N, C-alpha and C. Protein backbone atom coordinates (compact mmCIF):
# COMPACT_ATOMS: atom_id res chain seq x y z
N UNK A 1 0.99 -1.03 -0.11
CA UNK A 1 -0.10 0.12 0.15
C UNK A 1 0.94 1.30 0.20
N UNK A 2 0.79 1.94 -0.58
CA UNK A 2 1.39 3.35 -0.85
C UNK A 2 1.35 4.19 0.38
N UNK A 3 2.37 4.87 0.90
CA UNK A 3 2.16 5.93 1.95
C UNK A 3 1.21 6.75 1.44
N UNK A 4 0.74 7.85 2.64
CA UNK A 4 -0.18 8.67 2.76
C UNK A 4 0.29 9.92 1.36
N UNK A 5 1.58 9.85 1.40
CA UNK A 5 2.02 11.27 0.64
C UNK A 5 1.97 11.09 -1.12
N UNK A 6 1.86 9.57 -1.39
CA UNK A 6 1.75 8.85 -2.63
C UNK A 6 0.43 8.59 -3.21
N UNK A 7 -0.64 8.80 -2.13
CA UNK A 7 -2.01 8.47 -2.26
C UNK A 7 -2.55 9.62 -3.35
N UNK A 8 -3.51 9.35 -4.01
CA UNK A 8 -4.58 10.50 -4.90
C UNK A 8 -5.57 10.45 -4.05
N UNK A 9 -5.80 11.96 -3.62
CA UNK A 9 -6.93 12.19 -2.77
C UNK A 9 -7.77 12.76 -3.67
N UNK A 10 -8.97 12.51 -3.30
CA UNK A 10 -10.41 12.73 -4.10
C UNK A 10 -11.57 13.01 -3.43
N UNK A 11 -12.03 14.18 -3.80
CA UNK A 11 -13.29 14.75 -3.14
C UNK A 11 -14.34 14.11 -4.38
N UNK A 12 -15.55 13.35 -4.01
CA UNK A 12 -16.59 13.04 -4.75
C UNK A 12 -17.66 13.85 -4.72
N UNK A 13 -17.97 14.24 -5.88
CA UNK A 13 -19.12 15.59 -5.73
C UNK A 13 -20.44 14.92 -6.80
N UNK A 14 -21.53 14.91 -6.68
CA UNK A 14 -22.49 14.47 -7.53
C UNK A 14 -23.82 15.10 -6.84
N UNK A 15 -24.88 15.00 -7.70
CA UNK A 15 -26.20 15.42 -6.79
C UNK A 15 -26.95 14.23 -6.93
N UNK A 16 -26.44 13.21 -6.94
CA UNK A 16 -27.42 11.74 -5.98
C UNK A 16 -26.51 11.22 -5.07
N UNK A 17 -27.32 10.90 -3.97
CA UNK A 17 -26.74 10.35 -2.72
C UNK A 17 -26.45 8.85 -3.23
N UNK A 18 -27.22 8.33 -4.25
CA UNK A 18 -26.77 7.10 -4.46
C UNK A 18 -25.49 6.81 -5.28
N UNK A 19 -25.01 7.74 -6.02
CA UNK A 19 -24.06 8.03 -7.02
C UNK A 19 -22.55 8.18 -6.31
N UNK A 20 -22.96 9.13 -5.30
CA UNK A 20 -21.79 9.81 -4.12
C UNK A 20 -21.36 8.20 -3.38
N UNK A 21 -22.33 7.54 -3.09
CA UNK A 21 -21.93 6.28 -2.31
C UNK A 21 -21.31 5.44 -3.11
N UNK A 22 -21.86 4.88 -4.36
CA UNK A 22 -21.48 4.13 -5.34
C UNK A 22 -19.76 4.50 -5.75
N UNK A 23 -19.74 5.80 -6.01
CA UNK A 23 -18.45 6.25 -6.45
C UNK A 23 -17.34 5.93 -5.52
N UNK A 24 -17.99 6.25 -4.25
CA UNK A 24 -17.03 6.18 -3.20
C UNK A 24 -16.30 4.84 -2.86
N UNK A 25 -17.30 3.97 -2.92
CA UNK A 25 -17.00 2.61 -2.64
C UNK A 25 -16.39 2.14 -4.00
N UNK A 26 -16.44 2.49 -4.83
CA UNK A 26 -15.53 1.85 -6.33
C UNK A 26 -14.25 2.81 -5.98
N UNK A 27 -14.12 3.78 -5.65
CA UNK A 27 -12.71 4.56 -5.55
C UNK A 27 -12.06 3.78 -4.15
N UNK A 28 -12.83 3.48 -3.18
CA UNK A 28 -12.06 3.32 -1.97
C UNK A 28 -11.52 1.74 -2.23
N UNK A 29 -11.75 1.15 -3.54
CA UNK A 29 -11.20 -0.38 -3.55
C UNK A 29 -9.96 -0.20 -4.21
N UNK A 30 -9.33 0.82 -4.48
CA UNK A 30 -7.99 1.19 -4.91
C UNK A 30 -7.19 1.36 -3.87
N UNK A 31 -6.09 0.77 -3.85
CA UNK A 31 -5.09 1.10 -2.57
C UNK A 31 -4.58 2.59 -2.96
N UNK A 32 -4.43 2.91 -4.03
CA UNK A 32 -3.79 4.05 -4.54
C UNK A 32 -4.74 5.27 -4.34
N UNK A 33 -6.08 5.27 -4.14
CA UNK A 33 -7.05 6.47 -3.99
C UNK A 33 -7.51 6.39 -2.48
N UNK A 34 -7.53 7.36 -2.17
CA UNK A 34 -8.11 8.06 -0.65
C UNK A 34 -9.11 9.06 -0.70
N UNK A 35 -10.49 8.70 -0.62
CA UNK A 35 -11.48 9.50 -0.67
C UNK A 35 -11.76 10.13 0.60
N UNK A 36 -11.50 11.63 0.43
CA UNK A 36 -11.11 12.52 1.68
C UNK A 36 -12.30 13.30 1.74
N UNK A 37 -13.32 13.20 0.95
CA UNK A 37 -14.85 13.75 1.03
C UNK A 37 -15.74 13.73 0.01
N UNK A 38 -17.28 13.94 0.38
CA UNK A 38 -18.23 13.64 -0.40
C UNK A 38 -18.89 15.35 -0.76
N UNK A 39 -19.63 15.71 -1.56
CA UNK A 39 -20.20 17.10 -1.30
C UNK A 39 -21.55 16.56 -2.61
N UNK A 40 -22.49 17.40 -2.34
CA UNK A 40 -23.64 17.32 -3.17
C UNK A 40 -23.52 18.86 -4.16
N UNK A 41 -23.62 18.56 -5.54
CA UNK A 41 -23.89 19.24 -6.93
C UNK A 41 -25.03 19.66 -6.96
N UNK A 42 -25.04 21.30 -7.00
CA UNK A 42 -26.54 21.65 -7.27
C UNK A 42 -26.46 22.61 -8.75
N UNK A 43 -27.21 22.27 -9.55
CA UNK A 43 -27.40 22.79 -11.02
C UNK A 43 -28.50 23.97 -10.70
N UNK A 44 -28.07 25.18 -10.49
CA UNK A 44 -28.90 26.38 -10.28
C UNK A 44 -29.14 27.21 -11.27
N UNK A 45 -29.98 28.24 -11.66
CA UNK A 45 -30.01 29.16 -12.28
C UNK A 45 -29.98 30.85 -11.31
N UNK A 46 -29.50 31.55 -12.02
CA UNK A 46 -29.01 32.99 -11.16
C UNK A 46 -29.70 33.84 -12.16
N UNK A 47 -30.60 34.75 -11.89
CA UNK A 47 -31.29 35.96 -12.76
C UNK A 47 -30.43 37.16 -11.69
N UNK A 48 -30.01 38.11 -13.08
CA UNK A 48 -29.09 38.81 -12.87
C UNK A 48 -30.17 40.43 -13.40
N UNK A 49 -29.41 41.32 -12.91
CA UNK A 49 -30.30 42.63 -13.28
C UNK A 49 -30.44 42.70 -14.73
N UNK A 50 -31.67 43.09 -15.34
CA UNK A 50 -31.93 43.16 -16.60
C UNK A 50 -32.55 41.94 -17.02
N UNK A 51 -32.84 40.99 -16.04
CA UNK A 51 -33.50 40.04 -16.31
C UNK A 51 -33.23 38.70 -16.82
N UNK A 52 -31.75 38.77 -17.30
CA UNK A 52 -30.99 37.29 -18.14
C UNK A 52 -31.21 36.25 -16.98
N UNK A 53 -31.38 35.21 -17.25
CA UNK A 53 -31.28 33.99 -16.20
C UNK A 53 -29.87 33.06 -16.57
N UNK A 54 -28.75 32.99 -15.84
CA UNK A 54 -27.54 32.32 -16.20
C UNK A 54 -27.64 31.29 -15.32
N UNK A 55 -26.83 30.20 -16.00
CA UNK A 55 -26.38 28.82 -15.29
C UNK A 55 -25.63 28.94 -14.22
N UNK A 56 -25.73 28.61 -13.02
CA UNK A 56 -24.76 28.46 -12.00
C UNK A 56 -24.76 27.44 -11.45
N UNK A 57 -23.44 27.13 -11.00
CA UNK A 57 -23.35 25.51 -10.07
C UNK A 57 -23.42 25.88 -8.49
N UNK A 58 -23.95 25.17 -7.60
CA UNK A 58 -23.71 25.46 -6.13
C UNK A 58 -23.35 23.88 -5.86
N UNK A 59 -22.53 23.77 -4.37
CA UNK A 59 -22.39 22.98 -3.50
C UNK A 59 -23.06 22.88 -2.37
N UNK A 60 -23.35 21.79 -1.61
CA UNK A 60 -23.95 21.96 -0.21
C UNK A 60 -23.63 20.25 0.43
N UNK A 61 -23.81 20.06 1.51
CA UNK A 61 -23.61 18.81 2.18
C UNK A 61 -22.12 18.48 2.04
N UNK A 62 -21.28 19.10 2.16
CA UNK A 62 -19.86 18.99 2.26
C UNK A 62 -19.80 18.06 3.59
N UNK A 63 -18.82 16.93 3.25
CA UNK A 63 -18.57 16.37 4.36
C UNK A 63 -17.30 15.65 4.03
N UNK A 64 -16.27 16.09 5.08
CA UNK A 64 -14.47 15.72 4.98
C UNK A 64 -14.30 14.63 5.86
N UNK A 65 -13.72 13.80 5.46
CA UNK A 65 -12.75 12.78 6.56
C UNK A 65 -12.48 13.69 7.64
N UNK A 66 -12.19 12.96 8.93
CA UNK A 66 -11.51 13.62 10.38
C UNK A 66 -9.99 14.05 9.84
N UNK A 67 -9.49 13.17 9.03
CA UNK A 67 -8.13 13.41 9.00
C UNK A 67 -7.82 14.58 7.91
N UNK A 68 -8.80 15.23 7.52
CA UNK A 68 -8.29 16.18 6.47
C UNK A 68 -9.15 17.21 6.80
N UNK A 69 -9.75 17.74 7.97
CA UNK A 69 -10.45 19.00 8.59
C UNK A 69 -9.36 20.10 8.49
């Protein structure tokens, strides 16, 4: 197993709790990958002055491993 300095650290972000759990499980099956957190991705719209509507991304429900706080 690679030491922690040589492991790939990953933050899993998706809008589906099922996908976040599945991706985390798949990634953690590799000794070279360390999942250090998960987050919810939100696909939003922002109305700006003048009435134009722009696409915007948002994030929520960020969970970080105790070793990476």
